[in-house]
Amino acid sequence: MRDGHDEPAMSRGEQIQAAEREAAKRRLLEQAEAERVPMEETTRAVPDRRWRRDRPQ
């Protein structure tokens, strides 16, 4: 018989795992943001066509 208490949707262990996953996700996102290079600081790639001059036709 039930004692009047509803079972939680997640067990305590599942709640802890979910919290750990969320914390890990936040850490990864913070690390990625810290390592991100702003678009303004990148240069556009220009093809190097010098090798074509040295090839026989």
PDB file of N, CA and C in Angstrom:
ATOM      1  N   MET A   1       0.813  -1.188   0.000  1.00  0.00           N
ATOM      2  CA  MET A   1       0.000   0.000   0.000  1.00  0.00           C
ATOM      3  C   MET A   1       0.855   1.249   0.000  1.00  0.00           C
ATOM      4  N   ARG A   2       0.281   2.282  -0.556  1.00  0.00           N
ATOM      5  CA  ARG A   2       1.017   3.553  -0.592  1.00  0.00           C
ATOM      6  C   ARG A   2       0.778   4.307   0.701  1.00  0.00           C
ATOM      7  N   ASP A   3       1.784   5.059   1.111  1.00  0.00           N
ATOM      8  CA  ASP A   3       1.657   5.789   2.366  1.00  0.00           C
ATOM      9  C   ASP A   3       1.244   7.249   2.144  1.00  0.00           C
ATOM     10  N   GLY A   4       0.763   7.567   0.955  1.00  0.00           N
ATOM     11  CA  GLY A   4       0.301   8.920   0.683  1.00  0.00           C
ATOM     12  C   GLY A   4       1.336   9.817   0.030  1.00  0.00           C
ATOM     13  N   HIS A   5       2.579   9.332  -0.060  1.00  0.00           N
ATOM     14  CA  HIS A   5       3.628  10.143  -0.704  1.00  0.00           C
ATOM     15  C   HIS A   5       3.770   9.716  -2.154  1.00  0.00           C
ATOM     16  N   ASP A   6       3.809  10.696  -3.036  1.00  0.00           N
ATOM     17  CA  ASP A   6       4.019  10.383  -4.450  1.00  0.00           C
ATOM     18  C   ASP A   6       5.501  10.149  -4.686  1.00  0.00           C
ATOM     19  N   GLU A   7       5.794   9.209  -5.565  1.00  0.00           N
ATOM     20  CA  GLU A   7       7.191   8.965  -5.917  1.00  0.00           C
ATOM     21  C   GLU A   7       7.679  10.108  -6.803  1.00  0.00           C
ATOM     22  N   PRO A   8       8.911  10.538  -6.587  1.00  0.00           N
ATOM     23  CA  PRO A   8       9.436  11.591  -7.452  1.00  0.00           C
ATOM     24  C   PRO A   8       9.577  11.088  -8.883  1.00  0.00           C
ATOM     25  N   ALA A   9       9.501  12.010  -9.828  1.00  0.00           N
ATOM     26  CA  ALA A   9       9.618  11.637 -11.235  1.00  0.00           C
ATOM     27  C   ALA A   9      10.997  11.040 -11.516  1.00  0.00           C
ATOM     28  N   MET A  10      12.005  11.526 -10.809  1.00  0.00           N
ATOM     29  CA  MET A  10      13.370  11.022 -10.974  1.00  0.00           C
ATOM     30  C   MET A  10      13.894  10.604  -9.605  1.00  0.00           C
ATOM     31  N   SER A  11      14.664   9.544  -9.572  1.00  0.00           N
ATOM     32  CA  SER A  11      15.283   9.141  -8.314  1.00  0.00           C
ATOM     33  C   SER A  11      16.384  10.141  -7.967  1.00  0.00           C
ATOM     34  N   ARG A  12      16.837  10.091  -6.757  1.00  0.00           N
ATOM     35  CA  ARG A  12      17.900  11.006  -6.307  1.00  0.00           C
ATOM     36  C   ARG A  12      19.153  10.828  -7.169  1.00  0.00           C
ATOM     37  N   GLY A  13      19.496   9.581  -7.479  1.00  0.00           N
ATOM     38  CA  GLY A  13      20.671   9.317  -8.312  1.00  0.00           C
ATOM     39  C   GLY A  13      20.521   9.913  -9.704  1.00  0.00           C
ATOM     40  N   GLU A  14      19.319   9.796 -10.271  1.00  0.00           N
ATOM     41  CA  GLU A  14      19.074  10.375 -11.594  1.00  0.00           C
ATOM     42  C   GLU A  14      19.150  11.895 -11.551  1.00  0.00           C
ATOM     43  N   GLN A  15      18.677  12.486 -10.458  1.00  0.00           N
ATOM     44  CA  GLN A  15      18.753  13.941 -10.309  1.00  0.00           C
ATOM     45  C   GLN A  15      20.206  14.401 -10.229  1.00  0.00           C
ATOM     46  N   ILE A  16      21.021  13.651  -9.488  1.00  0.00           N
ATOM     47  CA  ILE A  16      22.441  13.990  -9.366  1.00  0.00           C
ATOM     48  C   ILE A  16      23.127  13.869 -10.722  1.00  0.00           C
ATOM     49  N   GLN A  17      22.836  12.787 -11.453  1.00  0.00           N
ATOM     50  CA  GLN A  17      23.445  12.614 -12.776  1.00  0.00           C
ATOM     51  C   GLN A  17      23.028  13.727 -13.728  1.00  0.00           C
ATOM     52  N   ALA A  18      21.767  14.111 -13.696  1.00  0.00           N
ATOM     53  CA  ALA A  18      21.294  15.192 -14.567  1.00  0.00           C
ATOM     54  C   ALA A  18      21.993  16.498 -14.221  1.00  0.00           C
ATOM     55  N   ALA A  19      22.167  16.762 -12.932  1.00  0.00           N
ATOM     56  CA  ALA A  19      22.854  17.989 -12.504  1.00  0.00           C
ATOM     57  C   ALA A  19      24.318  17.958 -12.940  1.00  0.00           C
ATOM     58  N   GLU A  20      24.967  16.803 -12.832  1.00  0.00           N
ATOM     59  CA  GLU A  20      26.365  16.680 -13.265  1.00  0.00           C
ATOM     60  C   GLU A  20      26.488  16.873 -14.769  1.00  0.00           C
ATOM     61  N   ARG A  21      25.551  16.302 -15.539  1.00  0.00           N
ATOM     62  CA  ARG A  21      25.582  16.488 -16.998  1.00  0.00           C
ATOM     63  C   ARG A  21      25.414  17.969 -17.354  1.00  0.00           C
ATOM     64  N   GLU A  22      24.489  18.630 -16.675  1.00  0.00           N
ATOM     65  CA  GLU A  22      24.251  20.051 -16.945  1.00  0.00           C
ATOM     66  C   GLU A  22      25.483  20.888 -16.599  1.00  0.00           C
ATOM     67  N   ALA A  23      26.130  20.578 -15.486  1.00  0.00           N
ATOM     68  CA  ALA A  23      27.346  21.298 -15.087  1.00  0.00           C
ATOM     69  C   ALA A  23      28.463  21.059 -16.101  1.00  0.00           C
ATOM     70  N   ALA A  24      28.600  19.816 -16.576  1.00  0.00           N
ATOM     71  CA  ALA A  24      29.630  19.502 -17.569  1.00  0.00           C
ATOM     72  C   ALA A  24      29.348  20.252 -18.866  1.00  0.00           C
ATOM     73  N   LYS A  25      28.080  20.321 -19.263  1.00  0.00           N
ATOM     74  CA  LYS A  25      27.714  21.035 -20.486  1.00  0.00           C
ATOM     75  C   LYS A  25      28.062  22.518 -20.358  1.00  0.00           C
ATOM     76  N   ARG A  26      27.762  23.091 -19.188  1.00  0.00           N
ATOM     77  CA  ARG A  26      28.099  24.508 -18.966  1.00  0.00           C
ATOM     78  C   ARG A  26      29.605  24.742 -19.043  1.00  0.00           C
ATOM     79  N   ARG A  27      30.385  23.818 -18.438  1.00  0.00           N
ATOM     80  CA  ARG A  27      31.849  23.961 -18.478  1.00  0.00           C
ATOM     81  C   ARG A  27      32.365  23.900 -19.913  1.00  0.00           C
ATOM     82  N   LEU A  28      31.829  22.966 -20.707  1.00  0.00           N
ATOM     83  CA  LEU A  28      32.263  22.846 -22.098  1.00  0.00           C
ATOM     84  C   LEU A  28      31.914  24.099 -22.897  1.00  0.00           C
ATOM     85  N   LEU A  29      30.716  24.628 -22.685  1.00  0.00           N
ATOM     86  CA  LEU A  29      30.316  25.834 -23.404  1.00  0.00           C
ATOM     87  C   LEU A  29      31.174  27.031 -22.999  1.00  0.00           C
ATOM     88  N   GLU A  30      31.484  27.141 -21.705  1.00  0.00           N
ATOM     89  CA  GLU A  30      32.344  28.229 -21.246  1.00  0.00           C
ATOM     90  C   GLU A  30      33.746  28.101 -21.832  1.00  0.00           C
ATOM     91  N   GLN A  31      34.271  26.876 -21.891  1.00  0.00           N
ATOM     92  CA  GLN A  31      35.597  26.655 -22.466  1.00  0.00           C
ATOM     93  C   GLN A  31      35.597  26.989 -23.955  1.00  0.00           C
ATOM     94  N   ALA A  32      34.567  26.559 -24.665  1.00  0.00           N
ATOM     95  CA  ALA A  32      34.483  26.838 -26.098  1.00  0.00           C
ATOM     96  C   ALA A  32      34.400  28.338 -26.347  1.00  0.00           C
ATOM     97  N   GLU A  33      33.640  29.041 -25.536  1.00  0.00           N
ATOM     98  CA  GLU A  33      33.524  30.492 -25.696  1.00  0.00           C
ATOM     99  C   GLU A  33      34.858  31.175 -25.412  1.00  0.00           C
ATOM    100  N   ALA A  34      35.595  30.685 -24.415  1.00  0.00           N
ATOM    101  CA  ALA A  34      36.894  31.270 -24.078  1.00  0.00           C
ATOM    102  C   ALA A  34      37.904  31.047 -25.209  1.00  0.00           C
ATOM    103  N   GLU A  35      37.804  29.919 -25.913  1.00  0.00           N
ATOM    104  CA  GLU A  35      38.758  29.594 -26.976  1.00  0.00           C
ATOM    105  C   GLU A  35      38.325  30.111 -28.346  1.00  0.00           C
ATOM    106  N   ARG A  36      37.122  30.651 -28.420  1.00  0.00           N
ATOM    107  CA  ARG A  36      36.584  31.101 -29.709  1.00  0.00           C
ATOM    108  C   ARG A  36      37.382  32.299 -30.230  1.00  0.00           C
ATOM    109  N   VAL A  37      37.647  32.286 -31.521  1.00  0.00           N
ATOM    110  CA  VAL A  37      38.327  33.407 -32.171  1.00  0.00           C
ATOM    111  C   VAL A  37      37.256  34.245 -32.863  1.00  0.00           C
ATOM    112  N   PRO A  38      37.145  35.521 -32.487  1.00  0.00           N
ATOM    113  CA  PRO A  38      36.130  36.362 -33.131  1.00  0.00           C
ATOM    114  C   PRO A  38      36.347  36.440 -34.636  1.00  0.00           C
ATOM    115  N   MET A  39      35.262  36.511 -35.379  1.00  0.00           N
ATOM    116  CA  MET A  39      35.318  36.548 -36.831  1.00  0.00           C
ATOM    117  C   MET A  39      36.179  37.700 -37.333  1.00  0.00           C
ATOM    118  N   GLU A  40      36.155  38.814 -36.640  1.00  0.00           N
ATOM    119  CA  GLU A  40      36.918  39.989 -37.071  1.00  0.00           C
ATOM    120  C   GLU A  40      38.422  39.740 -37.022  1.00  0.00           C
ATOM    121  N   GLU A  41      38.849  38.773 -36.187  1.00  0.00           N
ATOM    122  CA  GLU A  41      40.276  38.512 -36.038  1.00  0.00           C
ATOM    123  C   GLU A  41      40.777  37.421 -36.989  1.00  0.00           C
ATOM    124  N   THR A  42      39.920  36.881 -37.804  1.00  0.00           N
ATOM    125  CA  THR A  42      40.349  35.858 -38.753  1.00  0.00           C
ATOM    126  C   THR A  42      40.605  36.507 -40.108  1.00  0.00           C
ATOM    127  N   THR A  43      41.409  35.871 -40.894  1.00  0.00           N
ATOM    128  CA  THR A  43      41.670  36.388 -42.237  1.00  0.00           C
ATOM    129  C   THR A  43      41.039  35.461 -43.253  1.00  0.00           C
ATOM    130  N   ARG A  44      40.660  36.004 -44.357  1.00  0.00           N
ATOM    131  CA  ARG A  44      40.063  35.208 -45.417  1.00  0.00           C
ATOM    132  C   ARG A  44      41.146  34.393 -46.103  1.00  0.00           C
ATOM    133  N   ALA A  45      40.861  33.138 -46.330  1.00  0.00           N
ATOM    134  CA  ALA A  45      41.833  32.271 -46.993  1.00  0.00           C
ATOM    135  C   ALA A  45      41.949  32.673 -48.457  1.00  0.00           C
ATOM    136  N   VAL A  46      43.172  32.833 -48.917  1.00  0.00           N
ATOM    137  CA  VAL A  46      43.429  33.177 -50.314  1.00  0.00           C
ATOM    138  C   VAL A  46      44.167  31.995 -50.929  1.00  0.00           C
ATOM    139  N   PRO A  47      43.661  31.459 -52.025  1.00  0.00           N
ATOM    140  CA  PRO A  47      44.334  30.302 -52.622  1.00  0.00           C
ATOM    141  C   PRO A  47      45.745  30.649 -53.077  1.00  0.00           C
ATOM    142  N   ASP A  48      46.642  29.723 -52.849  1.00  0.00           N
ATOM    143  CA  ASP A  48      48.024  29.902 -53.256  1.00  0.00           C
ATOM    144  C   ASP A  48      48.187  29.285 -54.638  1.00  0.00           C
ATOM    145  N   ARG A  49      48.322  30.106 -55.645  1.00  0.00           N
ATOM    146  CA  ARG A  49      48.389  29.607 -57.021  1.00  0.00           C
ATOM    147  C   ARG A  49      49.823  29.569 -57.560  1.00  0.00           C
ATOM    148  N   ARG A  50      50.795  29.806 -56.693  1.00  0.00           N
ATOM    149  CA  ARG A  50      52.185  29.791 -57.160  1.00  0.00           C
ATOM    150  C   ARG A  50      52.568  28.441 -57.739  1.00  0.00           C
ATOM    151  N   TRP A  51      52.033  27.358 -57.182  1.00  0.00           N
ATOM    152  CA  TRP A  51      52.416  26.033 -57.659  1.00  0.00           C
ATOM    153  C   TRP A  51      52.026  25.836 -59.113  1.00  0.00           C
ATOM    154  N   ARG A  52      51.020  26.545 -59.593  1.00  0.00           N
ATOM    155  CA  ARG A  52      50.593  26.382 -60.991  1.00  0.00           C
ATOM    156  C   ARG A  52      51.634  26.964 -61.950  1.00  0.00           C
ATOM    157  N   ARG A  53      52.337  28.012 -61.533  1.00  0.00           N
ATOM    158  CA  ARG A  53      53.343  28.626 -62.403  1.00  0.00           C
ATOM    159  C   ARG A  53      54.487  27.675 -62.677  1.00  0.00           C
ATOM    160  N   ASP A  54      54.800  26.834 -61.703  1.00  0.00           N
ATOM    161  CA  ASP A  54      55.959  25.946 -61.830  1.00  0.00           C
ATOM    162  C   ASP A  54      55.631  24.632 -62.543  1.00  0.00           C
ATOM    163  N   ARG A  55      54.358  24.372 -62.836  1.00  0.00           N
ATOM    164  CA  ARG A  55      53.989  23.117 -63.487  1.00  0.00           C
ATOM    165  C   ARG A  55      54.103  23.239 -65.007  1.00  0.00           C
ATOM    166  N   PRO A  56      54.624  22.203 -65.639  1.00  0.00           N
ATOM    167  CA  PRO A  56      54.659  22.238 -67.111  1.00  0.00           C
ATOM    168  C   PRO A  56      53.242  22.063 -67.658  1.00  0.00           C
ATOM    169  N   GLN A  57      52.990  22.678 -68.784  1.00  0.00           N
ATOM    170  CA  GLN A  57      51.647  22.620 -69.367  1.00  0.00           C
ATOM    171  C   GLN A  57      51.473  21.544 -70.369  1.00  0.00           C
TER     172      GLN A  57
END
